[in-house]
Amino acid sequence: MKDKILTFLGGVVLVAIAMVGIAYLGSYSTQKESARSNQKISNENNTLQKVSENTYTFKTGLDLQDFPQKLIETGTIDLEKYQNLVGNLSVEKGEIVITPDNNQTFLNLFWGLGLAQENQYLVELKALKERGQLENLASVGGWIVAKGSASDHFSKHNILNLTLDQQKKVAEIAATIYRPCCGNSARFADCNHGMAMLGVLSLGVAQGLSDDELYNLALKFNSVWFPDQYNQLADYFLLIEKKKLSEVDPRVALSAKFSSAQGFAQNVARPLATLNLSSNNSNASGCSLQAPVLQPSSGCSLGAPAQRKSASGCSL
C-alpha cells in the first residue's frame, strides 16, 4: 500500500511539474543587491565569494575529455531530441570553465552523466528502480532526451571507467552534500541538481581530485545553481558566526544543517530574518533542462523555455 501511495504521489509531482514549469528566484532586498552587483567567484585564486548569476566565472580544474560524446553514443542523449527541445549542444574542449553563458549547458551535461554513469553504491536510487519507481523522480522522469526510457540508462554505462572503489568514493561524498531545493543528499539524487552533482563528483574522482578539492568544487557548483541561498549563507556566516564563507569548511557549508531545504530554512533563513536580511523568496534554482541561457528558477521538468512559468517540488 505504501509503495502504491509513493508511486501515486510521485506521478502527481511529475504531472504538476510538467504543467507548471519553472519559477524564477526572488532577489535579495534592494539594499543588499547593490552591494552584491560586483561580487563574483574569483578566477585568479578560485576563492568562493558571493555570487551574482550575471557575473560569475570559475575554473573547475576538470577536463571535459569526451564524456559528452559518450553520452550521445550510449543513447543517454538523443542528439535530435536534445536539439529540438533545448538547442545546439556545443561546449569547448579542455578545462571546463563555468560562465553565465554555459552554466545551463553544463548543468544538463552533468545531469546526464550523473544519471548514466555506473555506480553500484547509489543504494536509495537502486532500491527505487527495483520497485519500478525510479521514473517518479524528477531527475529521471524529467530526462526526456534519452533514446528509450531514461531509467534504462540509469547507472548503466561506465562512461568514465570508474573502479568500484572510485564509485564508492563518489557515493560516500555525495551522501554528505545537500542542496537547498530538497531534503535529500546528492546520493539520493531526486532532482536534476542532485544528479548533476553526482556527475561532477564522478568526473572529479575519475580525474584524481582530492576530497578537499571535490568539496570545494561542489560548493562552487551549488553556489551558482542556487545563488540566492548561498548569498544568504554567506551573510549568515559573516553576520552571525563572524566568518567569511571562504573561511568555512565546505563540508560544513554543504551539510544538511545548512544546505538542505529544511536546514537552510531553520538555520540560515530564520536567523537572518531576525536581522531583517533574509530573501523575500527562497525558492530554489533551475531544476529543469533548459536552453543554454542562465535563468534561475525551480521545478524539475523538461520543456520549451517559453512554457516555463513557476514550479516547485524536487522529490517524492
C-alpha atoms as a PDB file:
ATOM      1  CA  MET A   1       0.000   0.000   0.000  1.00  0.00           C
ATOM      2  CA  LYS A   2       2.841   2.387   0.925  1.00  0.00           C
ATOM      3  CA  ASP A   3       4.572   1.748  -2.421  1.00  0.00           C
ATOM      4  CA  LYS A   4       1.329   2.494  -4.275  1.00  0.00           C
ATOM      5  CA  ILE A   5       0.917   5.754  -2.401  1.00  0.00           C
ATOM      6  CA  LEU A   6       4.526   6.744  -3.177  1.00  0.00           C
ATOM      7  CA  THR A   7       4.026   5.872  -6.814  1.00  0.00           C
ATOM      8  CA  PHE A   8       0.820   7.946  -6.949  1.00  0.00           C
ATOM      9  CA  LEU A   9       2.450  10.912  -5.231  1.00  0.00           C
ATOM     10  CA  GLY A  10       5.464  10.698  -7.500  1.00  0.00           C
ATOM     11  CA  GLY A  11       3.203  10.736 -10.532  1.00  0.00           C
ATOM     12  CA  VAL A  12       1.350  13.748  -9.197  1.00  0.00           C
ATOM     13  CA  VAL A  13       4.638  15.559  -8.685  1.00  0.00           C
ATOM     14  CA  LEU A  14       5.802  14.908 -12.242  1.00  0.00           C
ATOM     15  CA  VAL A  15       2.461  15.949 -13.730  1.00  0.00           C
ATOM     16  CA  ALA A  16       2.443  19.127 -11.666  1.00  0.00           C
ATOM     17  CA  ILE A  17       5.997  19.873 -12.679  1.00  0.00           C
ATOM     18  CA  ALA A  18       5.312  19.357 -16.376  1.00  0.00           C
ATOM     19  CA  MET A  19       2.285  21.638 -16.220  1.00  0.00           C
ATOM     20  CA  VAL A  20       3.733  24.423 -14.188  1.00  0.00           C
ATOM     21  CA  GLY A  21       7.354  24.775 -15.386  1.00  0.00           C
ATOM     22  CA  ILE A  22       9.959  26.827 -13.597  1.00  0.00           C
ATOM     23  CA  ALA A  23       9.795  29.654 -11.094  1.00  0.00           C
ATOM     24  CA  TYR A  24      12.406  32.332 -11.050  1.00  0.00           C
ATOM     25  CA  LEU A  25      14.335  33.144  -7.920  1.00  0.00           C
ATOM     26  CA  GLY A  26      13.421  36.221  -5.943  1.00  0.00           C
ATOM     27  CA  SER A  27      16.319  38.576  -5.455  1.00  0.00           C
ATOM     28  CA  TYR A  28      17.737  39.838  -2.219  1.00  0.00           C
ATOM     29  CA  SER A  29      16.427  43.080  -0.734  1.00  0.00           C
ATOM     30  CA  THR A  30      17.271  46.297  -2.595  1.00  0.00           C
ATOM     31  CA  GLN A  31      19.834  47.457  -0.060  1.00  0.00           C
ATOM     32  CA  LYS A  32      21.689  44.105  -0.314  1.00  0.00           C
ATOM     33  CA  GLU A  33      21.522  43.944  -4.123  1.00  0.00           C
ATOM     34  CA  SER A  34      23.704  46.959  -4.888  1.00  0.00           C
ATOM     35  CA  ALA A  35      26.429  45.682  -2.595  1.00  0.00           C
ATOM     36  CA  ARG A  36      26.492  42.362  -4.443  1.00  0.00           C
ATOM     37  CA  SER A  37      26.474  43.532  -8.021  1.00  0.00           C
ATOM     38  CA  ASN A  38      30.243  43.430  -8.447  1.00  0.00           C
ATOM     39  CA  GLN A  39      30.918  40.278  -6.408  1.00  0.00           C
ATOM     40  CA  LYS A  40      31.804  37.009  -8.123  1.00  0.00           C
ATOM     41  CA  ILE A  41      33.894  33.896  -7.836  1.00  0.00           C
ATOM     42  CA  SER A  42      37.500  34.923  -8.324  1.00  0.00           C
ATOM     43  CA  ASN A  43      39.048  33.385 -11.396  1.00  0.00           C
ATOM     44  CA  GLU A  44      42.566  34.057 -10.115  1.00  0.00           C
ATOM     45  CA  ASN A  45      42.583  32.124  -6.874  1.00  0.00           C
ATOM     46  CA  ASN A  46      39.267  30.251  -7.069  1.00  0.00           C
ATOM     47  CA  THR A  47      38.224  31.705  -3.709  1.00  0.00           C
ATOM     48  CA  LEU A  48      34.497  31.414  -3.230  1.00  0.00           C
ATOM     49  CA  GLN A  49      32.797  34.749  -2.718  1.00  0.00           C
ATOM     50  CA  LYS A  50      29.230  35.927  -3.096  1.00  0.00           C
ATOM     51  CA  VAL A  51      27.689  35.072  -6.435  1.00  0.00           C
ATOM     52  CA  SER A  52      25.776  37.114  -8.953  1.00  0.00           C
ATOM     53  CA  GLU A  53      24.280  34.939 -11.661  1.00  0.00           C
ATOM     54  CA  ASN A  54      25.237  37.548 -14.256  1.00  0.00           C
ATOM     55  CA  THR A  55      28.908  37.926 -13.372  1.00  0.00           C
ATOM     56  CA  TYR A  56      30.354  34.683 -12.028  1.00  0.00           C
ATOM     57  CA  THR A  57      33.036  32.659 -13.769  1.00  0.00           C
ATOM     58  CA  PHE A  58      35.137  29.910 -12.266  1.00  0.00           C
ATOM     59  CA  LYS A  59      37.628  27.280 -13.336  1.00  0.00           C
ATOM     60  CA  THR A  60      36.672  23.766 -12.289  1.00  0.00           C
ATOM     61  CA  GLY A  61      40.013  22.049 -12.671  1.00  0.00           C
ATOM     62  CA  LEU A  62      38.171  19.356 -14.652  1.00  0.00           C
ATOM     63  CA  ASP A  63      38.956  18.353 -18.217  1.00  0.00           C
ATOM     64  CA  LEU A  64      35.983  17.839 -20.496  1.00  0.00           C
ATOM     65  CA  GLN A  65      37.597  14.883 -22.277  1.00  0.00           C
ATOM     66  CA  ASP A  66      34.952  13.008 -24.266  1.00  0.00           C
ATOM     67  CA  PHE A  67      32.132  12.362 -21.802  1.00  0.00           C
ATOM     68  CA  PRO A  68      29.542  14.447 -23.751  1.00  0.00           C
ATOM     69  CA  GLN A  69      30.220  12.369 -26.858  1.00  0.00           C
ATOM     70  CA  LYS A  70      29.877   9.171 -24.830  1.00  0.00           C
ATOM     71  CA  LEU A  71      26.505  10.342 -23.533  1.00  0.00           C
ATOM     72  CA  ILE A  72      25.420  10.568 -27.156  1.00  0.00           C
ATOM     73  CA  GLU A  73      26.999   7.246 -28.136  1.00  0.00           C
ATOM     74  CA  THR A  74      25.284   5.381 -25.289  1.00  0.00           C
ATOM     75  CA  GLY A  75      21.904   6.921 -26.094  1.00  0.00           C
ATOM     76  CA  THR A  76      21.732   8.786 -22.801  1.00  0.00           C
ATOM     77  CA  ILE A  77      21.361  11.837 -25.031  1.00  0.00           C
ATOM     78  CA  ASP A  78      19.415  11.518 -28.252  1.00  0.00           C
ATOM     79  CA  LEU A  79      21.004  14.424 -30.064  1.00  0.00           C
ATOM     80  CA  GLU A  80      17.958  15.064 -32.241  1.00  0.00           C
ATOM     81  CA  LYS A  81      15.650  15.187 -29.222  1.00  0.00           C
ATOM     82  CA  TYR A  82      18.067  17.425 -27.351  1.00  0.00           C
ATOM     83  CA  GLN A  83      18.453  19.867 -30.222  1.00  0.00           C
ATOM     84  CA  ASN A  84      14.708  20.042 -30.824  1.00  0.00           C
ATOM     85  CA  LEU A  85      13.954  20.693 -27.169  1.00  0.00           C
ATOM     86  CA  VAL A  86      16.946  22.640 -25.908  1.00  0.00           C
ATOM     87  CA  GLY A  87      19.067  23.772 -28.840  1.00  0.00           C
ATOM     88  CA  ASN A  88      22.571  23.092 -30.064  1.00  0.00           C
ATOM     89  CA  LEU A  89      24.837  21.093 -27.776  1.00  0.00           C
ATOM     90  CA  SER A  90      28.245  22.690 -28.083  1.00  0.00           C
ATOM     91  CA  VAL A  91      30.981  23.081 -25.460  1.00  0.00           C
ATOM     92  CA  GLU A  92      34.673  23.861 -25.687  1.00  0.00           C
ATOM     93  CA  LYS A  93      37.235  21.116 -25.197  1.00  0.00           C
ATOM     94  CA  GLY A  94      39.858  21.331 -22.475  1.00  0.00           C
ATOM     95  CA  GLU A  95      39.346  22.606 -18.938  1.00  0.00           C
ATOM     96  CA  ILE A  96      35.741  23.215 -18.006  1.00  0.00           C
ATOM     97  CA  VAL A  97      35.259  26.879 -17.106  1.00  0.00           C
ATOM     98  CA  ILE A  98      31.774  27.740 -15.881  1.00  0.00           C
ATOM     99  CA  THR A  99      30.350  31.051 -17.098  1.00  0.00           C
ATOM    100  CA  PRO A 100      26.857  32.570 -17.224  1.00  0.00           C
ATOM    101  CA  ASP A 101      26.693  31.607 -20.901  1.00  0.00           C
ATOM    102  CA  ASN A 102      27.463  27.902 -20.472  1.00  0.00           C
ATOM    103  CA  ASN A 103      26.203  27.171 -16.958  1.00  0.00           C
ATOM    104  CA  GLN A 104      22.922  25.632 -18.084  1.00  0.00           C
ATOM    105  CA  THR A 105      24.568  23.530 -20.775  1.00  0.00           C
ATOM    106  CA  PHE A 106      26.975  22.035 -18.250  1.00  0.00           C
ATOM    107  CA  LEU A 107      24.173  21.530 -15.750  1.00  0.00           C
ATOM    108  CA  ASN A 108      22.403  19.467 -18.411  1.00  0.00           C
ATOM    109  CA  LEU A 109      25.560  17.533 -19.321  1.00  0.00           C
ATOM    110  CA  PHE A 110      26.425  16.743 -15.698  1.00  0.00           C
ATOM    111  CA  TRP A 111      22.790  15.727 -15.141  1.00  0.00           C
ATOM    112  CA  GLY A 112      23.104  13.206 -17.972  1.00  0.00           C
ATOM    113  CA  LEU A 113      26.473  11.998 -16.699  1.00  0.00           C
ATOM    114  CA  GLY A 114      25.182  11.530 -13.155  1.00  0.00           C
ATOM    115  CA  LEU A 115      22.213   9.579 -14.493  1.00  0.00           C
ATOM    116  CA  ALA A 116      24.149   7.275 -16.797  1.00  0.00           C
ATOM    117  CA  GLN A 117      27.472   6.712 -15.022  1.00  0.00           C
ATOM    118  CA  GLU A 118      27.615   3.294 -13.426  1.00  0.00           C
ATOM    119  CA  ASN A 119      27.689   3.352  -9.627  1.00  0.00           C
ATOM    120  CA  GLN A 120      26.934   0.267  -7.581  1.00  0.00           C
ATOM    121  CA  TYR A 121      26.613   2.251  -4.338  1.00  0.00           C
ATOM    122  CA  LEU A 122      23.633   4.512  -5.062  1.00  0.00           C
ATOM    123  CA  VAL A 123      21.517   2.408  -2.727  1.00  0.00           C
ATOM    124  CA  GLU A 124      18.424   4.622  -2.465  1.00  0.00           C
ATOM    125  CA  LEU A 125      18.083   5.067  -6.219  1.00  0.00           C
ATOM    126  CA  LYS A 126      18.710   1.395  -6.933  1.00  0.00           C
ATOM    127  CA  ALA A 127      16.016   0.440  -4.425  1.00  0.00           C
ATOM    128  CA  LEU A 128      13.529   2.650  -6.259  1.00  0.00           C
ATOM    129  CA  LYS A 129      14.478   1.108  -9.582  1.00  0.00           C
ATOM    130  CA  GLU A 130      13.891  -2.377  -8.198  1.00  0.00           C
ATOM    131  CA  ARG A 131      10.385  -1.270  -7.183  1.00  0.00           C
ATOM    132  CA  GLY A 132       9.739   0.291 -10.578  1.00  0.00           C
ATOM    133  CA  GLN A 133       9.515   3.791  -9.077  1.00  0.00           C
ATOM    134  CA  LEU A 134      12.669   5.421 -10.406  1.00  0.00           C
ATOM    135  CA  GLU A 135      10.835   7.360 -13.119  1.00  0.00           C
ATOM    136  CA  ASN A 136       8.764   9.059 -10.407  1.00  0.00           C
ATOM    137  CA  LEU A 137      11.820  11.140  -9.576  1.00  0.00           C
ATOM    138  CA  ALA A 138      12.181  14.395 -11.483  1.00  0.00           C
ATOM    139  CA  SER A 139      15.871  13.601 -12.024  1.00  0.00           C
ATOM    140  CA  VAL A 140      14.906  10.536 -14.057  1.00  0.00           C
ATOM    141  CA  GLY A 141      11.367  11.124 -15.307  1.00  0.00           C
ATOM    142  CA  GLY A 142      12.385  14.638 -16.290  1.00  0.00           C
ATOM    143  CA  TRP A 143      15.235  13.429 -18.511  1.00  0.00           C
ATOM    144  CA  ILE A 144      13.233  13.101 -21.725  1.00  0.00           C
ATOM    145  CA  VAL A 145      16.110  13.423 -24.188  1.00  0.00           C
ATOM    146  CA  ALA A 146      17.311   9.816 -23.967  1.00  0.00           C
ATOM    147  CA  LYS A 147      16.850   7.062 -26.506  1.00  0.00           C
ATOM    148  CA  GLY A 148      14.228   4.894 -24.871  1.00  0.00           C
ATOM    149  CA  SER A 149      13.414   5.256 -21.195  1.00  0.00           C
ATOM    150  CA  ALA A 150      15.704   7.355 -19.010  1.00  0.00           C
ATOM    151  CA  SER A 151      15.558   4.677 -16.316  1.00  0.00           C
ATOM    152  CA  ASP A 152      17.044   2.201 -18.797  1.00  0.00           C
ATOM    153  CA  HIS A 153      20.204   4.300 -18.771  1.00  0.00           C
ATOM    154  CA  PHE A 154      20.398   4.781 -15.016  1.00  0.00           C
ATOM    155  CA  SER A 155      23.792   3.637 -13.691  1.00  0.00           C
ATOM    156  CA  LYS A 156      24.225   1.522 -16.808  1.00  0.00           C
ATOM    157  CA  HIS A 157      27.221   2.979 -18.639  1.00  0.00           C
ATOM    158  CA  ASN A 158      30.700   3.156 -17.143  1.00  0.00           C
ATOM    159  CA  ILE A 159      31.427   6.275 -19.173  1.00  0.00           C
ATOM    160  CA  LEU A 160      34.372   7.351 -17.004  1.00  0.00           C
ATOM    161  CA  ASN A 161      35.757   3.843 -16.406  1.00  0.00           C
ATOM    162  CA  LEU A 162      35.363   4.192 -12.649  1.00  0.00           C
ATOM    163  CA  THR A 163      36.574   1.326 -10.490  1.00  0.00           C
ATOM    164  CA  LEU A 164      34.355   0.018  -7.685  1.00  0.00           C
ATOM    165  CA  ASP A 165      36.496   1.906  -5.170  1.00  0.00           C
ATOM    166  CA  GLN A 166      36.030   5.114  -7.136  1.00  0.00           C
ATOM    167  CA  GLN A 167      32.286   4.519  -7.377  1.00  0.00           C
ATOM    168  CA  LYS A 168      32.168   4.016  -3.608  1.00  0.00           C
ATOM    169  CA  LYS A 169      34.069   7.263  -3.046  1.00  0.00           C
ATOM    170  CA  VAL A 170      31.603   9.174  -5.225  1.00  0.00           C
ATOM    171  CA  ALA A 171      28.655   7.737  -3.306  1.00  0.00           C
ATOM    172  CA  GLU A 172      30.202   8.394   0.110  1.00  0.00           C
ATOM    173  CA  ILE A 173      30.971  12.029  -0.648  1.00  0.00           C
ATOM    174  CA  ALA A 174      27.615  12.547  -2.346  1.00  0.00           C
ATOM    175  CA  ALA A 175      25.899  11.314   0.820  1.00  0.00           C
ATOM    176  CA  THR A 176      27.319  14.330   2.690  1.00  0.00           C
ATOM    177  CA  ILE A 177      26.364  17.002   0.120  1.00  0.00           C
ATOM    178  CA  TYR A 178      22.945  18.659   0.195  1.00  0.00           C
ATOM    179  CA  ARG A 179      21.163  21.331  -1.851  1.00  0.00           C
ATOM    180  CA  PRO A 180      18.555  23.918  -0.826  1.00  0.00           C
ATOM    181  CA  CYS A 181      15.786  22.677  -3.139  1.00  0.00           C
ATOM    182  CA  CYS A 182      15.456  19.271  -1.480  1.00  0.00           C
ATOM    183  CA  GLY A 183      15.902  17.437   1.798  1.00  0.00           C
ATOM    184  CA  ASN A 184      17.976  14.591   0.396  1.00  0.00           C
ATOM    185  CA  SER A 185      21.680  14.238  -0.184  1.00  0.00           C
ATOM    186  CA  ALA A 186      23.182  14.042  -3.664  1.00  0.00           C
ATOM    187  CA  ARG A 187      23.450  10.267  -3.284  1.00  0.00           C
ATOM    188  CA  PHE A 188      19.640  10.233  -3.416  1.00  0.00           C
ATOM    189  CA  ALA A 189      19.544  12.443  -6.497  1.00  0.00           C
ATOM    190  CA  ASP A 190      15.840  13.149  -6.754  1.00  0.00           C
ATOM    191  CA  CYS A 191      16.199  16.365  -8.786  1.00  0.00           C
ATOM    192  CA  ASN A 192      18.449  17.431 -11.614  1.00  0.00           C
ATOM    193  CA  HIS A 193      20.875  19.305  -9.362  1.00  0.00           C
ATOM    194  CA  GLY A 194      21.442  16.200  -7.285  1.00  0.00           C
ATOM    195  CA  MET A 195      22.013  14.100 -10.381  1.00  0.00           C
ATOM    196  CA  ALA A 196      24.303  16.772 -11.821  1.00  0.00           C
ATOM    197  CA  MET A 197      26.291  16.788  -8.574  1.00  0.00           C
ATOM    198  CA  LEU A 198      26.792  13.039  -8.989  1.00  0.00           C
ATOM    199  CA  GLY A 199      28.146  13.809 -12.448  1.00  0.00           C
ATOM    200  CA  VAL A 200      30.511  16.478 -11.121  1.00  0.00           C
ATOM    201  CA  LEU A 201      31.816  14.185  -8.372  1.00  0.00           C
ATOM    202  CA  SER A 202      32.201  11.264 -10.769  1.00  0.00           C
ATOM    203  CA  LEU A 203      34.276  13.299 -13.207  1.00  0.00           C
ATOM    204  CA  GLY A 204      36.333  14.744 -10.349  1.00  0.00           C
ATOM    205  CA  VAL A 205      37.071  11.323  -8.865  1.00  0.00           C
ATOM    206  CA  ALA A 206      37.912   9.933 -12.312  1.00  0.00           C
ATOM    207  CA  GLN A 207      40.471  12.731 -12.752  1.00  0.00           C
ATOM    208  CA  GLY A 208      42.059  12.255  -9.338  1.00  0.00           C
ATOM    209  CA  LEU A 209      40.768  15.260  -7.379  1.00  0.00           C
ATOM    210  CA  SER A 210      41.325  15.059  -3.635  1.00  0.00           C
ATOM    211  CA  ASP A 211      38.451  15.071  -1.159  1.00  0.00           C
ATOM    212  CA  ASP A 212      39.130  18.720  -0.317  1.00  0.00           C
ATOM    213  CA  GLU A 213      39.116  19.646  -4.000  1.00  0.00           C
ATOM    214  CA  LEU A 214      35.850  17.781  -4.539  1.00  0.00           C
ATOM    215  CA  TYR A 215      34.097  19.564  -1.664  1.00  0.00           C
ATOM    216  CA  ASN A 216      35.394  22.955  -2.797  1.00  0.00           C
ATOM    217  CA  LEU A 217      34.159  22.241  -6.311  1.00  0.00           C
ATOM    218  CA  ALA A 218      30.777  21.045  -5.063  1.00  0.00           C
ATOM    219  CA  LEU A 219      30.296  24.265  -3.096  1.00  0.00           C
ATOM    220  CA  LYS A 220      31.104  26.356  -6.160  1.00  0.00           C
ATOM    221  CA  PHE A 221      28.574  24.496  -8.277  1.00  0.00           C
ATOM    222  CA  ASN A 222      25.884  24.727  -5.605  1.00  0.00           C
ATOM    223  CA  SER A 223      26.597  28.442  -5.285  1.00  0.00           C
ATOM    224  CA  VAL A 224      25.986  29.137  -8.970  1.00  0.00           C
ATOM    225  CA  TRP A 225      22.999  26.796  -9.123  1.00  0.00           C
ATOM    226  CA  PHE A 226      21.441  28.424  -6.038  1.00  0.00           C
ATOM    227  CA  PRO A 227      22.914  31.949  -5.865  1.00  0.00           C
ATOM    228  CA  ASP A 228      20.221  33.419  -3.645  1.00  0.00           C
ATOM    229  CA  GLN A 229      20.567  30.759  -0.970  1.00  0.00           C
ATOM    230  CA  TYR A 230      24.351  30.781  -0.884  1.00  0.00           C
ATOM    231  CA  ASN A 231      24.482  34.569  -0.766  1.00  0.00           C
ATOM    232  CA  GLN A 232      22.254  34.296   2.285  1.00  0.00           C
ATOM    233  CA  LEU A 233      24.542  31.606   3.675  1.00  0.00           C
ATOM    234  CA  ALA A 234      27.494  33.983   3.241  1.00  0.00           C
ATOM    235  CA  ASP A 235      25.550  36.641   5.149  1.00  0.00           C
ATOM    236  CA  TYR A 236      24.757  34.157   7.906  1.00  0.00           C
ATOM    237  CA  PHE A 237      28.385  33.206   8.485  1.00  0.00           C
ATOM    238  CA  LEU A 238      29.597  36.793   8.231  1.00  0.00           C
ATOM    239  CA  LEU A 239      26.972  38.412  10.452  1.00  0.00           C
ATOM    240  CA  ILE A 240      26.246  35.648  12.940  1.00  0.00           C
ATOM    241  CA  GLU A 241      29.342  33.463  13.100  1.00  0.00           C
ATOM    242  CA  LYS A 242      31.733  36.305  12.126  1.00  0.00           C
ATOM    243  CA  LYS A 243      33.369  34.317   9.314  1.00  0.00           C
ATOM    244  CA  LYS A 244      33.733  34.817   5.606  1.00  0.00           C
ATOM    245  CA  LEU A 245      32.256  31.990   3.575  1.00  0.00           C
ATOM    246  CA  SER A 246      35.729  31.345   2.168  1.00  0.00           C
ATOM    247  CA  GLU A 247      36.868  30.591   5.743  1.00  0.00           C
ATOM    248  CA  VAL A 248      34.172  27.951   6.286  1.00  0.00           C
ATOM    249  CA  ASP A 249      34.931  24.287   5.644  1.00  0.00           C
ATOM    250  CA  PRO A 250      32.914  23.382   2.505  1.00  0.00           C
ATOM    251  CA  ARG A 251      31.893  20.155   4.269  1.00  0.00           C
ATOM    252  CA  VAL A 252      30.086  22.299   6.831  1.00  0.00           C
ATOM    253  CA  ALA A 253      28.522  24.638   4.267  1.00  0.00           C
ATOM    254  CA  LEU A 254      27.255  21.684   2.219  1.00  0.00           C
ATOM    255  CA  SER A 255      25.953  19.713   5.190  1.00  0.00           C
ATOM    256  CA  ALA A 256      22.292  19.037   5.911  1.00  0.00           C
ATOM    257  CA  LYS A 257      22.427  21.656   8.660  1.00  0.00           C
ATOM    258  CA  PHE A 258      22.987  24.497   6.199  1.00  0.00           C
ATOM    259  CA  SER A 259      22.333  23.258   2.658  1.00  0.00           C
ATOM    260  CA  SER A 260      19.280  21.006   2.841  1.00  0.00           C
ATOM    261  CA  ALA A 261      15.930  22.695   2.330  1.00  0.00           C
ATOM    262  CA  GLN A 262      14.945  22.145   5.959  1.00  0.00           C
ATOM    263  CA  GLY A 263      18.340  23.013   7.377  1.00  0.00           C
ATOM    264  CA  PHE A 264      18.612  26.169   5.341  1.00  0.00           C
ATOM    265  CA  ALA A 265      15.175  27.372   6.429  1.00  0.00           C
ATOM    266  CA  GLN A 266      15.820  26.725  10.096  1.00  0.00           C
ATOM    267  CA  ASN A 267      19.500  27.538  10.468  1.00  0.00           C
ATOM    268  CA  VAL A 268      20.085  30.250   7.859  1.00  0.00           C
ATOM    269  CA  ALA A 269      16.890  31.978   6.737  1.00  0.00           C
ATOM    270  CA  ARG A 270      15.329  32.104  10.207  1.00  0.00           C
ATOM    271  CA  PRO A 271      18.333  33.691  11.971  1.00  0.00           C
ATOM    272  CA  LEU A 272      18.711  36.194   9.117  1.00  0.00           C
ATOM    273  CA  ALA A 273      15.028  37.034   9.354  1.00  0.00           C
ATOM    274  CA  THR A 274      15.604  38.234  12.904  1.00  0.00           C
ATOM    275  CA  LEU A 275      18.076  40.709  11.379  1.00  0.00           C
ATOM    276  CA  ASN A 276      15.664  41.553   8.551  1.00  0.00           C
ATOM    277  CA  LEU A 277      18.185  40.281   5.994  1.00  0.00           C
ATOM    278  CA  SER A 278      16.607  37.141   4.558  1.00  0.00           C
ATOM    279  CA  SER A 279      15.411  36.987   0.968  1.00  0.00           C
ATOM    280  CA  ASN A 280      11.762  37.555   0.185  1.00  0.00           C
ATOM    281  CA  ASN A 281      11.823  34.438  -1.959  1.00  0.00           C
ATOM    282  CA  SER A 282      13.980  31.427  -1.169  1.00  0.00           C
ATOM    283  CA  ASN A 283      12.777  29.209  -3.998  1.00  0.00           C
ATOM    284  CA  ALA A 284      15.472  27.018  -5.434  1.00  0.00           C
ATOM    285  CA  SER A 285      17.090  27.356  -8.799  1.00  0.00           C
ATOM    286  CA  GLY A 286      16.902  25.679 -12.168  1.00  0.00           C
ATOM    287  CA  CYS A 287      15.579  22.114 -11.735  1.00  0.00           C
ATOM    288  CA  SER A 288      14.982  21.688 -15.437  1.00  0.00           C
ATOM    289  CA  LEU A 289      16.743  21.016 -18.684  1.00  0.00           C
ATOM    290  CA  GLN A 290      16.791  24.376 -20.434  1.00  0.00           C
ATOM    291  CA  ALA A 291      18.275  26.154 -23.363  1.00  0.00           C
ATOM    292  CA  PRO A 292      21.829  27.310 -22.583  1.00  0.00           C
ATOM    293  CA  VAL A 293      20.844  30.627 -21.043  1.00  0.00           C
ATOM    294  CA  LEU A 294      21.087  31.097 -17.283  1.00  0.00           C
ATOM    295  CA  GLN A 295      17.594  31.519 -15.894  1.00  0.00           C
ATOM    296  CA  PRO A 296      17.472  30.991 -12.102  1.00  0.00           C
ATOM    297  CA  SER A 297      14.320  29.033 -11.440  1.00  0.00           C
ATOM    298  CA  SER A 298      12.829  25.939  -9.853  1.00  0.00           C
ATOM    299  CA  GLY A 299      10.835  22.870 -10.756  1.00  0.00           C
ATOM    300  CA  CYS A 300      12.262  19.683 -12.188  1.00  0.00           C
ATOM    301  CA  SER A 301      10.908  19.244 -15.690  1.00  0.00           C
ATOM    302  CA  LEU A 302      11.928  19.466 -19.305  1.00  0.00           C
ATOM    303  CA  GLY A 303      10.121  21.937 -21.526  1.00  0.00           C
ATOM    304  CA  ALA A 304      10.497  24.637 -24.098  1.00  0.00           C
ATOM    305  CA  PRO A 305      11.727  27.869 -22.500  1.00  0.00           C
ATOM    306  CA  ALA A 306       8.568  29.787 -23.370  1.00  0.00           C
ATOM    307  CA  GLN A 307       6.473  27.288 -21.419  1.00  0.00           C
ATOM    308  CA  ARG A 308       8.298  27.748 -18.138  1.00  0.00           C
ATOM    309  CA  LYS A 309       6.475  29.799 -15.539  1.00  0.00           C
ATOM    310  CA  SER A 310       6.682  28.524 -11.973  1.00  0.00           C
ATOM    311  CA  ALA A 311       7.057  25.280 -10.097  1.00  0.00           C
ATOM    312  CA  SER A 312       8.473  23.698  -7.017  1.00  0.00           C
ATOM    313  CA  GLY A 313       8.984  20.245  -5.549  1.00  0.00           C
ATOM    314  CA  CYS A 314      12.018  18.163  -6.379  1.00  0.00           C
ATOM    315  CA  SER A 315      11.263  14.874  -4.661  1.00  0.00           C
ATOM    316  CA  LEU A 316       8.666  12.183  -3.969  1.00  0.00           C
END
